Amino acid sequence: MREPATLYQLTNGARDVPSGLPLVAGLTGFADAGGAVSGFTDYLTNELRSDVIAEFDTDELLDYRARRPTMYFDQDHLTAYRPPKLRLSLARDDLDTPFLLLTGFEPDFHWEAFVAAVLELTDRFEVSTTVWVHAIPMPVPHTRPIGVTVSGNRADLIESLSIWRPHTQLPATALHLLEHRLHQRGSSVAGFVLLVPHYLADTEFPMAALAALDNISAGTGLIFPTDSLREEGREFVSKIEEQVRGNAELERLVHTLEVRHDSYMEDNPLPSPLMDESGELPSAETIAAELERFLAGRRDDQNGGKSSGR
């Protein structure tokens, strides 16, 4: 295994980090349904004051051919090269409360060494608790609050927030491994898996990013500025509902999802909030196909009327 300390470099700002802060983590690269993690981390990075205190080695951790960086071409020459970054920052919430923020790409290589490096940093800064977010597509309606499955050893959060507690195997992420190692050490940790409507999984769904922020607040007590994101989410949902109201088939399918969801939440003895008594999962294709016109129009508006290529 690589020596963990060789995977990152501390900045001068690391000397000024108070001890005992919470660590908030969100890494992009796998199963980011609704753009929850990218929206969540972009929002925090843009809205909050933060300073980088540790930079991870991109060359050691990124598979460039799987996730190619962007270069900019200006008529006849290349003007900029911007490789992805993986960073630990000291950030401050809306009340100026400090916390640690781990953002960027999920490592492709050296998971054990990367996790060991993060553990070194949590020890160095005497992290009080670690919380992280992940998002997966589920057959749930957009008309209900986004539910969450909570993992880790924060019994208070699991009991109060976790609506689905399956026995299952799952494709792991680097932060799953980090949570597992923290749990093994007896360190405080909680992972929030957001259950995002499956027919919106390939969109940038503002309510998913908002749900990530709300759950992180519940896990840390941090306060985030969310007014603009809430307004964007309301507008997004309102436009989707316009499409649904204009199509009887969509209305029926969304209503079916609502009934199944509400039955599960009312302690109906269903095996999960995702399926009916026969064990069938509702399909996303019909809803997604009908909503594509709206979503395509929204992408065109964001691109100044030009097609996004999708």
C-alpha atoms as a PDB file:
ATOM      1  CA  MET A   1       0.000   0.000   0.000  1.00  0.00           C
ATOM      2  CA  ARG A   2       1.187   3.501  -0.758  1.00  0.00           C
ATOM      3  CA  GLU A   3       2.349   5.533   2.184  1.00  0.00           C
ATOM      4  CA  PRO A   4      -0.820   7.538   3.028  1.00  0.00           C
ATOM      5  CA  ALA A   5       0.996  10.798   3.760  1.00  0.00           C
ATOM      6  CA  THR A   6       2.430  10.852   0.212  1.00  0.00           C
ATOM      7  CA  LEU A   7      -1.079  11.180  -1.278  1.00  0.00           C
ATOM      8  CA  TYR A   8      -1.725  14.685   0.021  1.00  0.00           C
ATOM      9  CA  GLN A   9       0.033  17.934   0.774  1.00  0.00           C
ATOM     10  CA  LEU A  10      -0.942  20.261   3.590  1.00  0.00           C
ATOM     11  CA  THR A  11      -1.176  23.989   2.969  1.00  0.00           C
ATOM     12  CA  ASN A  12      -0.088  26.728   5.352  1.00  0.00           C
ATOM     13  CA  GLY A  13      -3.722  27.097   6.393  1.00  0.00           C
ATOM     14  CA  ALA A  14      -3.623  23.681   8.064  1.00  0.00           C
ATOM     15  CA  ARG A  15      -1.831  25.288  11.011  1.00  0.00           C
ATOM     16  CA  ASP A  16      -4.906  27.385  11.795  1.00  0.00           C
ATOM     17  CA  VAL A  17      -7.507  24.593  11.934  1.00  0.00           C
ATOM     18  CA  PRO A  18      -9.270  24.342  15.308  1.00  0.00           C
ATOM     19  CA  SER A  19      -9.495  20.851  16.778  1.00  0.00           C
ATOM     20  CA  GLY A  20     -12.743  18.964  17.243  1.00  0.00           C
ATOM     21  CA  LEU A  21     -14.578  20.087  14.077  1.00  0.00           C
ATOM     22  CA  PRO A  22     -17.046  17.907  12.136  1.00  0.00           C
ATOM     23  CA  LEU A  23     -15.984  16.566   8.754  1.00  0.00           C
ATOM     24  CA  VAL A  24     -18.497  16.822   5.885  1.00  0.00           C
ATOM     25  CA  ALA A  25     -17.728  14.769   2.759  1.00  0.00           C
ATOM     26  CA  GLY A  26     -19.178  14.410  -0.712  1.00  0.00           C
ATOM     27  CA  LEU A  27     -17.237  12.919  -3.638  1.00  0.00           C
ATOM     28  CA  THR A  28     -18.475  12.712  -7.232  1.00  0.00           C
ATOM     29  CA  GLY A  29     -17.982   9.964  -9.769  1.00  0.00           C
ATOM     30  CA  PHE A  30     -20.506   7.208  -9.056  1.00  0.00           C
ATOM     31  CA  ALA A  31     -24.317   6.950  -8.781  1.00  0.00           C
ATOM     32  CA  ASP A  32     -24.942  10.637  -8.138  1.00  0.00           C
ATOM     33  CA  ALA A  33     -28.716  10.464  -8.682  1.00  0.00           C
ATOM     34  CA  GLY A  34     -30.290  13.835  -9.351  1.00  0.00           C
ATOM     35  CA  GLY A  35     -26.855  15.466  -9.183  1.00  0.00           C
ATOM     36  CA  ALA A  36     -27.316  15.495  -5.411  1.00  0.00           C
ATOM     37  CA  VAL A  37     -23.642  15.270  -4.444  1.00  0.00           C
ATOM     38  CA  SER A  38     -22.330  17.561  -7.175  1.00  0.00           C
ATOM     39  CA  GLY A  39     -25.115  20.083  -6.495  1.00  0.00           C
ATOM     40  CA  PHE A  40     -24.501  19.875  -2.759  1.00  0.00           C
ATOM     41  CA  THR A  41     -20.730  20.342  -2.970  1.00  0.00           C
ATOM     42  CA  ASP A  42     -20.919  23.036  -5.667  1.00  0.00           C
ATOM     43  CA  TYR A  43     -23.437  24.949  -3.572  1.00  0.00           C
ATOM     44  CA  LEU A  44     -21.273  24.833  -0.459  1.00  0.00           C
ATOM     45  CA  THR A  45     -18.146  25.753  -2.391  1.00  0.00           C
ATOM     46  CA  ASN A  46     -19.835  28.719  -4.068  1.00  0.00           C
ATOM     47  CA  GLU A  47     -21.899  29.973  -1.126  1.00  0.00           C
ATOM     48  CA  LEU A  48     -19.521  29.557   1.805  1.00  0.00           C
ATOM     49  CA  ARG A  49     -16.132  30.964   2.659  1.00  0.00           C
ATOM     50  CA  SER A  50     -13.522  28.207   2.634  1.00  0.00           C
ATOM     51  CA  ASP A  51      -9.766  27.715   2.486  1.00  0.00           C
ATOM     52  CA  VAL A  52      -7.959  24.630   1.195  1.00  0.00           C
ATOM     53  CA  ILE A  53      -5.919  22.935   3.918  1.00  0.00           C
ATOM     54  CA  ALA A  54      -4.944  19.724   2.098  1.00  0.00           C
ATOM     55  CA  GLU A  55      -4.658  18.864  -1.605  1.00  0.00           C
ATOM     56  CA  PHE A  56      -4.623  15.246  -2.760  1.00  0.00           C
ATOM     57  CA  ASP A  57      -2.403  13.976  -5.573  1.00  0.00           C
ATOM     58  CA  THR A  58      -4.598  13.786  -8.679  1.00  0.00           C
ATOM     59  CA  ASP A  59      -1.978  11.876 -10.691  1.00  0.00           C
ATOM     60  CA  GLU A  60      -1.977   9.064  -8.133  1.00  0.00           C
ATOM     61  CA  LEU A  61      -5.729   8.823  -7.602  1.00  0.00           C
ATOM     62  CA  LEU A  62      -7.463   9.620 -10.915  1.00  0.00           C
ATOM     63  CA  ASP A  63      -7.970   7.412 -13.968  1.00  0.00           C
ATOM     64  CA  TYR A  64      -7.636  10.092 -16.642  1.00  0.00           C
ATOM     65  CA  ARG A  65      -8.877   7.863 -19.474  1.00  0.00           C
ATOM     66  CA  ALA A  66     -12.073   7.022 -17.593  1.00  0.00           C
ATOM     67  CA  ARG A  67     -12.747  10.635 -16.550  1.00  0.00           C
ATOM     68  CA  ARG A  68     -10.953  12.856 -18.989  1.00  0.00           C
ATOM     69  CA  PRO A  69     -10.133  16.393 -17.823  1.00  0.00           C
ATOM     70  CA  THR A  70     -11.336  19.398 -19.793  1.00  0.00           C
ATOM     71  CA  MET A  71      -9.060  21.518 -21.947  1.00  0.00           C
ATOM     72  CA  TYR A  72     -10.147  24.747 -23.619  1.00  0.00           C
ATOM     73  CA  PHE A  73      -9.539  25.422 -27.305  1.00  0.00           C
ATOM     74  CA  ASP A  74      -9.569  29.023 -28.548  1.00  0.00           C
ATOM     75  CA  GLN A  75      -9.783  29.011 -32.375  1.00  0.00           C
ATOM     76  CA  ASP A  76      -6.270  27.716 -32.989  1.00  0.00           C
ATOM     77  CA  HIS A  77      -4.650  27.005 -29.623  1.00  0.00           C
ATOM     78  CA  LEU A  78      -5.283  25.496 -26.198  1.00  0.00           C
ATOM     79  CA  THR A  79      -5.778  28.101 -23.508  1.00  0.00           C
ATOM     80  CA  ALA A  80      -6.341  26.219 -20.260  1.00  0.00           C
ATOM     81  CA  TYR A  81      -6.050  22.824 -18.638  1.00  0.00           C
ATOM     82  CA  ARG A  82      -8.105  22.120 -15.529  1.00  0.00           C
ATOM     83  CA  PRO A  83      -7.640  18.678 -13.989  1.00  0.00           C
ATOM     84  CA  PRO A  84     -10.109  17.564 -11.329  1.00  0.00           C
ATOM     85  CA  LYS A  85      -9.272  18.392  -7.728  1.00  0.00           C
ATOM     86  CA  LEU A  86      -9.704  16.456  -4.498  1.00  0.00           C
ATOM     87  CA  ARG A  87      -9.385  18.750  -1.506  1.00  0.00           C
ATOM     88  CA  LEU A  88      -9.936  19.115   2.203  1.00  0.00           C
ATOM     89  CA  SER A  89     -11.005  22.633   3.139  1.00  0.00           C
ATOM     90  CA  LEU A  90     -11.760  24.611   6.256  1.00  0.00           C
ATOM     91  CA  ALA A  91     -15.198  26.111   5.645  1.00  0.00           C
ATOM     92  CA  ARG A  92     -17.645  28.194   7.679  1.00  0.00           C
ATOM     93  CA  ASP A  93     -21.408  27.890   7.719  1.00  0.00           C
ATOM     94  CA  ASP A  94     -23.980  30.691   7.640  1.00  0.00           C
ATOM     95  CA  LEU A  95     -23.328  31.461  11.327  1.00  0.00           C
ATOM     96  CA  ASP A  96     -19.543  31.447  10.814  1.00  0.00           C
ATOM     97  CA  THR A  97     -19.196  28.048  12.504  1.00  0.00           C
ATOM     98  CA  PRO A  98     -16.103  26.244  11.158  1.00  0.00           C
ATOM     99  CA  PHE A  99     -16.122  22.701   9.778  1.00  0.00           C
ATOM    100  CA  LEU A 100     -13.981  20.529   7.512  1.00  0.00           C
ATOM    101  CA  LEU A 101     -15.192  19.861   3.956  1.00  0.00           C
ATOM    102  CA  LEU A 102     -13.876  17.039   1.747  1.00  0.00           C
ATOM    103  CA  THR A 103     -14.911  17.508  -1.900  1.00  0.00           C
ATOM    104  CA  GLY A 104     -13.862  16.552  -5.402  1.00  0.00           C
ATOM    105  CA  PHE A 105     -13.567  13.368  -7.408  1.00  0.00           C
ATOM    106  CA  GLU A 106     -13.847   9.902  -5.928  1.00  0.00           C
ATOM    107  CA  PRO A 107     -10.433   8.204  -6.229  1.00  0.00           C
ATOM    108  CA  ASP A 108     -10.102   5.509  -8.892  1.00  0.00           C
ATOM    109  CA  PHE A 109      -6.925   4.060  -7.371  1.00  0.00           C
ATOM    110  CA  HIS A 110      -5.317   3.409  -3.975  1.00  0.00           C
ATOM    111  CA  TRP A 111      -8.528   3.297  -1.957  1.00  0.00           C
ATOM    112  CA  GLU A 112      -6.899   1.825   1.130  1.00  0.00           C
ATOM    113  CA  ALA A 113      -4.129   4.398   1.064  1.00  0.00           C
ATOM    114  CA  PHE A 114      -6.604   7.223   0.428  1.00  0.00           C
ATOM    115  CA  VAL A 115      -8.807   6.145   3.335  1.00  0.00           C
ATOM    116  CA  ALA A 116      -5.740   5.807   5.558  1.00  0.00           C
ATOM    117  CA  ALA A 117      -4.744   9.338   4.529  1.00  0.00           C
ATOM    118  CA  VAL A 118      -8.166  10.703   5.467  1.00  0.00           C
ATOM    119  CA  LEU A 119      -7.962   8.871   8.786  1.00  0.00           C
ATOM    120  CA  GLU A 120      -4.572  10.527   9.388  1.00  0.00           C
ATOM    121  CA  LEU A 121      -6.183  13.897   8.780  1.00  0.00           C
ATOM    122  CA  THR A 122      -9.139  13.149  11.062  1.00  0.00           C
ATOM    123  CA  ASP A 123      -6.658  12.237  13.789  1.00  0.00           C
ATOM    124  CA  ARG A 124      -4.526  15.306  13.132  1.00  0.00           C
ATOM    125  CA  PHE A 125      -7.498  17.653  13.444  1.00  0.00           C
ATOM    126  CA  GLU A 126      -9.296  15.584  16.107  1.00  0.00           C
ATOM    127  CA  VAL A 127     -12.487  15.402  14.026  1.00  0.00           C
ATOM    128  CA  SER A 128     -15.592  15.129  16.214  1.00  0.00           C
ATOM    129  CA  THR A 129     -17.832  13.333  13.716  1.00  0.00           C
ATOM    130  CA  THR A 130     -17.790  12.472  10.008  1.00  0.00           C
ATOM    131  CA  VAL A 131     -20.903  12.767   7.823  1.00  0.00           C
ATOM    132  CA  TRP A 132     -21.154  12.132   4.095  1.00  0.00           C
ATOM    133  CA  VAL A 133     -23.771  12.000   1.337  1.00  0.00           C
ATOM    134  CA  HIS A 134     -24.555   9.642  -1.526  1.00  0.00           C
ATOM    135  CA  ALA A 135     -27.620   9.447  -3.816  1.00  0.00           C
ATOM    136  CA  ILE A 136     -29.236   6.527  -5.625  1.00  0.00           C
ATOM    137  CA  PRO A 137     -32.284   6.273  -7.922  1.00  0.00           C
ATOM    138  CA  MET A 138     -35.424   4.730  -6.430  1.00  0.00           C
ATOM    139  CA  PRO A 139     -39.040   4.360  -7.645  1.00  0.00           C
ATOM    140  CA  VAL A 140     -40.408   7.106  -5.402  1.00  0.00           C
ATOM    141  CA  PRO A 141     -42.517  10.133  -6.400  1.00  0.00           C
ATOM    142  CA  HIS A 142     -41.170  13.657  -6.728  1.00  0.00           C
ATOM    143  CA  THR A 143     -44.278  14.872  -4.876  1.00  0.00           C
ATOM    144  CA  ARG A 144     -42.990  13.534  -1.546  1.00  0.00           C
ATOM    145  CA  PRO A 145     -39.946  14.591   0.508  1.00  0.00           C
ATOM    146  CA  ILE A 146     -36.747  12.824  -0.492  1.00  0.00           C
ATOM    147  CA  GLY A 147     -36.190   9.974   1.940  1.00  0.00           C
ATOM    148  CA  VAL A 148     -32.870   8.740   3.231  1.00  0.00           C
ATOM    149  CA  THR A 149     -31.162   5.600   4.437  1.00  0.00           C
ATOM    150  CA  VAL A 150     -28.707   6.355   7.235  1.00  0.00           C
ATOM    151  CA  SER A 151     -25.680   4.162   7.910  1.00  0.00           C
ATOM    152  CA  GLY A 152     -22.891   4.316  10.458  1.00  0.00           C
ATOM    153  CA  ASN A 153     -23.026   4.422  14.253  1.00  0.00           C
ATOM    154  CA  ARG A 154     -25.078   7.562  14.915  1.00  0.00           C
ATOM    155  CA  ALA A 155     -28.099   5.841  16.470  1.00  0.00           C
ATOM    156  CA  ASP A 156     -29.882   9.182  16.935  1.00  0.00           C
ATOM    157  CA  LEU A 157     -29.818   9.864  13.188  1.00  0.00           C
ATOM    158  CA  ILE A 158     -30.665   6.307  12.184  1.00  0.00           C
ATOM    159  CA  GLU A 159     -33.718   6.211  14.444  1.00  0.00           C
ATOM    160  CA  SER A 160     -35.022   9.652  13.489  1.00  0.00           C
ATOM    161  CA  LEU A 161     -34.255   9.820   9.768  1.00  0.00           C
ATOM    162  CA  SER A 162     -33.666   6.420   8.161  1.00  0.00           C
ATOM    163  CA  ILE A 163     -36.864   5.318   6.375  1.00  0.00           C
ATOM    164  CA  TRP A 164     -35.457   2.263   4.566  1.00  0.00           C
ATOM    165  CA  ARG A 165     -33.127  -0.271   6.194  1.00  0.00           C
ATOM    166  CA  PRO A 166     -32.500  -3.074   3.721  1.00  0.00           C
ATOM    167  CA  HIS A 167     -30.381  -6.219   3.959  1.00  0.00           C
ATOM    168  CA  THR A 168     -28.502  -6.070   0.674  1.00  0.00           C
ATOM    169  CA  GLN A 169     -25.182  -6.061  -1.156  1.00  0.00           C
ATOM    170  CA  LEU A 170     -24.179  -2.847  -2.879  1.00  0.00           C
ATOM    171  CA  PRO A 171     -21.444  -1.470  -5.125  1.00  0.00           C
ATOM    172  CA  ALA A 172     -19.101   0.343  -2.763  1.00  0.00           C
ATOM    173  CA  THR A 173     -17.644   3.820  -2.998  1.00  0.00           C
ATOM    174  CA  ALA A 174     -14.476   5.156  -1.399  1.00  0.00           C
ATOM    175  CA  LEU A 175     -16.582   6.899   1.240  1.00  0.00           C
ATOM    176  CA  HIS A 176     -18.310   3.617   2.077  1.00  0.00           C
ATOM    177  CA  LEU A 177     -14.857   2.252   2.851  1.00  0.00           C
ATOM    178  CA  LEU A 178     -14.015   5.349   4.900  1.00  0.00           C
ATOM    179  CA  GLU A 179     -17.223   4.923   6.898  1.00  0.00           C
ATOM    180  CA  HIS A 180     -16.430   1.232   7.467  1.00  0.00           C
ATOM    181  CA  ARG A 181     -12.932   2.019   8.754  1.00  0.00           C
ATOM    182  CA  LEU A 182     -14.223   4.805  11.026  1.00  0.00           C
ATOM    183  CA  HIS A 183     -16.896   2.476  12.376  1.00  0.00           C
ATOM    184  CA  GLN A 184     -14.271  -0.193  13.067  1.00  0.00           C
ATOM    185  CA  ARG A 185     -12.270   2.357  15.076  1.00  0.00           C
ATOM    186  CA  GLY A 186     -15.345   3.444  17.035  1.00  0.00           C
ATOM    187  CA  SER A 187     -15.236   6.964  15.575  1.00  0.00           C
ATOM    188  CA  SER A 188     -18.502   8.837  15.122  1.00  0.00           C
ATOM    189  CA  VAL A 189     -19.729   8.519  11.505  1.00  0.00           C
ATOM    190  CA  ALA A 190     -22.954   8.702   9.515  1.00  0.00           C
ATOM    191  CA  GLY A 191     -23.655   8.248   5.827  1.00  0.00           C
ATOM    192  CA  PHE A 192     -26.806   9.635   4.205  1.00  0.00           C
ATOM    193  CA  VAL A 193     -28.020   7.766   1.124  1.00  0.00           C
ATOM    194  CA  LEU A 194     -30.671   9.916  -0.578  1.00  0.00           C
ATOM    195  CA  LEU A 195     -33.511   8.047  -2.321  1.00  0.00           C
ATOM    196  CA  VAL A 196     -34.051  10.144  -5.453  1.00  0.00           C
ATOM    197  CA  PRO A 197     -36.991   9.637  -7.874  1.00  0.00           C
ATOM    198  CA  HIS A 198     -35.675   7.262 -10.529  1.00  0.00           C
ATOM    199  CA  TYR A 199     -37.158   9.235 -13.402  1.00  0.00           C
ATOM    200  CA  LEU A 200     -35.164  12.305 -12.317  1.00  0.00           C
ATOM    201  CA  ALA A 201     -31.901  10.474 -11.641  1.00  0.00           C
ATOM    202  CA  ASP A 202     -30.193  11.772 -14.793  1.00  0.00           C
ATOM    203  CA  THR A 203     -31.175  15.409 -14.205  1.00  0.00           C
ATOM    204  CA  GLU A 204     -29.813  18.116 -11.963  1.00  0.00           C
ATOM    205  CA  PHE A 205     -32.633  17.962  -9.415  1.00  0.00           C
ATOM    206  CA  PRO A 206     -32.272  20.910  -6.982  1.00  0.00           C
ATOM    207  CA  MET A 207     -34.386  19.223  -4.309  1.00  0.00           C
ATOM    208  CA  ALA A 208     -31.814  16.410  -4.109  1.00  0.00           C
ATOM    209  CA  ALA A 209     -29.009  18.844  -3.303  1.00  0.00           C
ATOM    210  CA  LEU A 210     -31.305  20.544  -0.801  1.00  0.00           C
ATOM    211  CA  ALA A 211     -32.047  17.199   0.871  1.00  0.00           C
ATOM    212  CA  ALA A 212     -28.298  16.622   1.168  1.00  0.00           C
ATOM    213  CA  LEU A 213     -27.874  19.972   2.906  1.00  0.00           C
ATOM    214  CA  ASP A 214     -30.799  19.321   5.256  1.00  0.00           C
ATOM    215  CA  ASN A 215     -29.444  15.924   6.294  1.00  0.00           C
ATOM    216  CA  ILE A 216     -25.944  17.269   6.832  1.00  0.00           C
ATOM    217  CA  SER A 217     -27.460  19.988   9.027  1.00  0.00           C
ATOM    218  CA  ALA A 218     -29.263  17.322  11.046  1.00  0.00           C
ATOM    219  CA  GLY A 219     -26.012  15.410  11.488  1.00  0.00           C
ATOM    220  CA  THR A 220     -23.789  18.343  12.434  1.00  0.00           C
ATOM    221  CA  GLY A 221     -25.915  21.269  13.605  1.00  0.00           C
ATOM    222  CA  LEU A 222     -24.407  23.414  10.846  1.00  0.00           C
ATOM    223  CA  ILE A 223     -26.623  26.061   9.238  1.00  0.00           C
ATOM    224  CA  PHE A 224     -26.480  26.593   5.471  1.00  0.00           C
ATOM    225  CA  PRO A 225     -27.933  29.365   3.274  1.00  0.00           C
ATOM    226  CA  THR A 226     -30.528  27.544   1.168  1.00  0.00           C
ATOM    227  CA  ASP A 227     -33.065  30.183   0.103  1.00  0.00           C
ATOM    228  CA  SER A 228     -31.939  30.375  -3.525  1.00  0.00           C
ATOM    229  CA  LEU A 229     -31.688  26.582  -3.816  1.00  0.00           C
ATOM    230  CA  ARG A 230     -35.178  26.154  -2.342  1.00  0.00           C
ATOM    231  CA  GLU A 231     -36.594  28.617  -4.852  1.00  0.00           C
ATOM    232  CA  GLU A 232     -34.848  26.849  -7.720  1.00  0.00           C
ATOM    233  CA  GLY A 233     -36.244  23.550  -6.474  1.00  0.00           C
ATOM    234  CA  ARG A 234     -39.797  24.906  -6.267  1.00  0.00           C
ATOM    235  CA  GLU A 235     -39.581  26.192  -9.822  1.00  0.00           C
ATOM    236  CA  PHE A 236     -38.205  22.869 -11.065  1.00  0.00           C
ATOM    237  CA  VAL A 237     -40.959  20.837  -9.374  1.00  0.00           C
ATOM    238  CA  SER A 238     -43.636  23.254 -10.568  1.00  0.00           C
ATOM    239  CA  LYS A 239     -42.597  22.772 -14.189  1.00  0.00           C
ATOM    240  CA  ILE A 240     -42.524  18.999 -13.802  1.00  0.00           C
ATOM    241  CA  GLU A 241     -46.007  19.055 -12.320  1.00  0.00           C
ATOM    242  CA  GLU A 242     -47.223  21.079 -15.312  1.00  0.00           C
ATOM    243  CA  GLN A 243     -46.078  18.235 -17.534  1.00  0.00           C
ATOM    244  CA  VAL A 244     -47.698  15.623 -15.311  1.00  0.00           C
ATOM    245  CA  ARG A 245     -51.047  17.443 -15.160  1.00  0.00           C
ATOM    246  CA  GLY A 246     -51.200  17.527 -18.929  1.00  0.00           C
ATOM    247  CA  ASN A 247     -50.819  13.757 -19.342  1.00  0.00           C
ATOM    248  CA  ALA A 248     -53.299  11.242 -17.893  1.00  0.00           C
ATOM    249  CA  GLU A 249     -50.820   8.368 -18.125  1.00  0.00           C
ATOM    250  CA  LEU A 250     -48.193  10.311 -16.198  1.00  0.00           C
ATOM    251  CA  GLU A 251     -50.748  11.267 -13.571  1.00  0.00           C
ATOM    252  CA  ARG A 252     -51.678   7.621 -13.100  1.00  0.00           C
ATOM    253  CA  LEU A 253     -48.055   6.480 -12.802  1.00  0.00           C
ATOM    254  CA  VAL A 254     -47.094   9.212 -10.341  1.00  0.00           C
ATOM    255  CA  HIS A 255     -50.238   8.497  -8.321  1.00  0.00           C
ATOM    256  CA  THR A 256     -49.250   4.821  -8.151  1.00  0.00           C
ATOM    257  CA  LEU A 257     -45.850   5.790  -6.772  1.00  0.00           C
ATOM    258  CA  GLU A 258     -47.527   8.089  -4.241  1.00  0.00           C
ATOM    259  CA  VAL A 259     -49.868   5.352  -3.007  1.00  0.00           C
ATOM    260  CA  ARG A 260     -47.003   2.875  -2.557  1.00  0.00           C
ATOM    261  CA  HIS A 261     -44.853   5.458  -0.829  1.00  0.00           C
ATOM    262  CA  ASP A 262     -47.617   6.590   1.534  1.00  0.00           C
ATOM    263  CA  SER A 263     -48.602   3.032   2.366  1.00  0.00           C
ATOM    264  CA  TYR A 264     -45.041   2.215   3.339  1.00  0.00           C
ATOM    265  CA  MET A 265     -44.691   5.362   5.435  1.00  0.00           C
ATOM    266  CA  GLU A 266     -47.912   4.460   7.273  1.00  0.00           C
ATOM    267  CA  ASP A 267     -46.369   1.155   8.436  1.00  0.00           C
ATOM    268  CA  ASN A 268     -48.130  -0.870   5.773  1.00  0.00           C
ATOM    269  CA  PRO A 269     -46.410  -4.313   5.749  1.00  0.00           C
ATOM    270  CA  LEU A 270     -44.758  -3.900   2.365  1.00  0.00           C
ATOM    271  CA  PRO A 271     -41.223  -5.237   1.882  1.00  0.00           C
ATOM    272  CA  SER A 272     -39.935  -1.766   0.989  1.00  0.00           C
ATOM    273  CA  PRO A 273     -41.198   1.651  -0.111  1.00  0.00           C
ATOM    274  CA  LEU A 274     -40.264   0.675  -3.674  1.00  0.00           C
ATOM    275  CA  MET A 275     -42.591  -2.152  -4.678  1.00  0.00           C
ATOM    276  CA  ASP A 276     -46.160  -3.422  -4.422  1.00  0.00           C
ATOM    277  CA  GLU A 277     -47.504  -6.633  -2.917  1.00  0.00           C
ATOM    278  CA  SER A 278     -46.559  -8.625  -6.025  1.00  0.00           C
ATOM    279  CA  GLY A 279     -42.961  -7.453  -5.758  1.00  0.00           C
ATOM    280  CA  GLU A 280     -43.058  -5.483  -9.018  1.00  0.00           C
ATOM    281  CA  LEU A 281     -41.107  -2.297  -9.487  1.00  0.00           C
ATOM    282  CA  PRO A 282     -42.748   0.535 -11.422  1.00  0.00           C
ATOM    283  CA  SER A 283     -40.884   1.463 -14.588  1.00  0.00           C
ATOM    284  CA  ALA A 284     -39.247   4.840 -15.036  1.00  0.00           C
ATOM    285  CA  GLU A 285     -39.303   4.805 -18.844  1.00  0.00           C
ATOM    286  CA  THR A 286     -42.770   6.216 -19.412  1.00  0.00           C
ATOM    287  CA  ILE A 287     -42.356   9.041 -16.919  1.00  0.00           C
ATOM    288  CA  ALA A 288     -38.837   9.844 -18.101  1.00  0.00           C
ATOM    289  CA  ALA A 289     -39.840   9.872 -21.774  1.00  0.00           C
ATOM    290  CA  GLU A 290     -42.721  12.261 -21.165  1.00  0.00           C
ATOM    291  CA  LEU A 291     -40.627  14.558 -18.992  1.00  0.00           C
ATOM    292  CA  GLU A 292     -37.746  14.614 -21.468  1.00  0.00           C
ATOM    293  CA  ARG A 293     -39.367  17.404 -23.474  1.00  0.00           C
ATOM    294  CA  PHE A 294     -39.439  19.599 -20.383  1.00  0.00           C
ATOM    295  CA  LEU A 295     -35.934  18.693 -19.316  1.00  0.00           C
ATOM    296  CA  ALA A 296     -34.560  19.207 -22.823  1.00  0.00           C
ATOM    297  CA  GLY A 297     -36.187  22.619 -22.906  1.00  0.00           C
ATOM    298  CA  ARG A 298     -34.659  23.469 -19.534  1.00  0.00           C
ATOM    299  CA  ARG A 299     -31.197  22.455 -20.749  1.00  0.00           C
ATOM    300  CA  ASP A 300     -31.687  24.574 -23.885  1.00  0.00           C
ATOM    301  CA  ASP A 301     -32.611  27.571 -21.727  1.00  0.00           C
ATOM    302  CA  GLN A 302     -29.482  27.082 -19.612  1.00  0.00           C
ATOM    303  CA  ASN A 303     -27.358  26.840 -22.783  1.00  0.00           C
ATOM    304  CA  GLY A 304     -28.785  29.998 -24.303  1.00  0.00           C
ATOM    305  CA  GLY A 305     -31.115  28.196 -26.685  1.00  0.00           C
ATOM    306  CA  LYS A 306     -28.465  25.828 -28.042  1.00  0.00           C
ATOM    307  CA  SER A 307     -28.933  22.079 -27.971  1.00  0.00           C
ATOM    308  CA  SER A 308     -27.046  20.235 -25.237  1.00  0.00           C
ATOM    309  CA  GLY A 309     -26.447  17.243 -27.498  1.00  0.00           C
ATOM    310  CA  ARG A 310     -28.586  14.869 -25.471  1.00  0.00           C
END
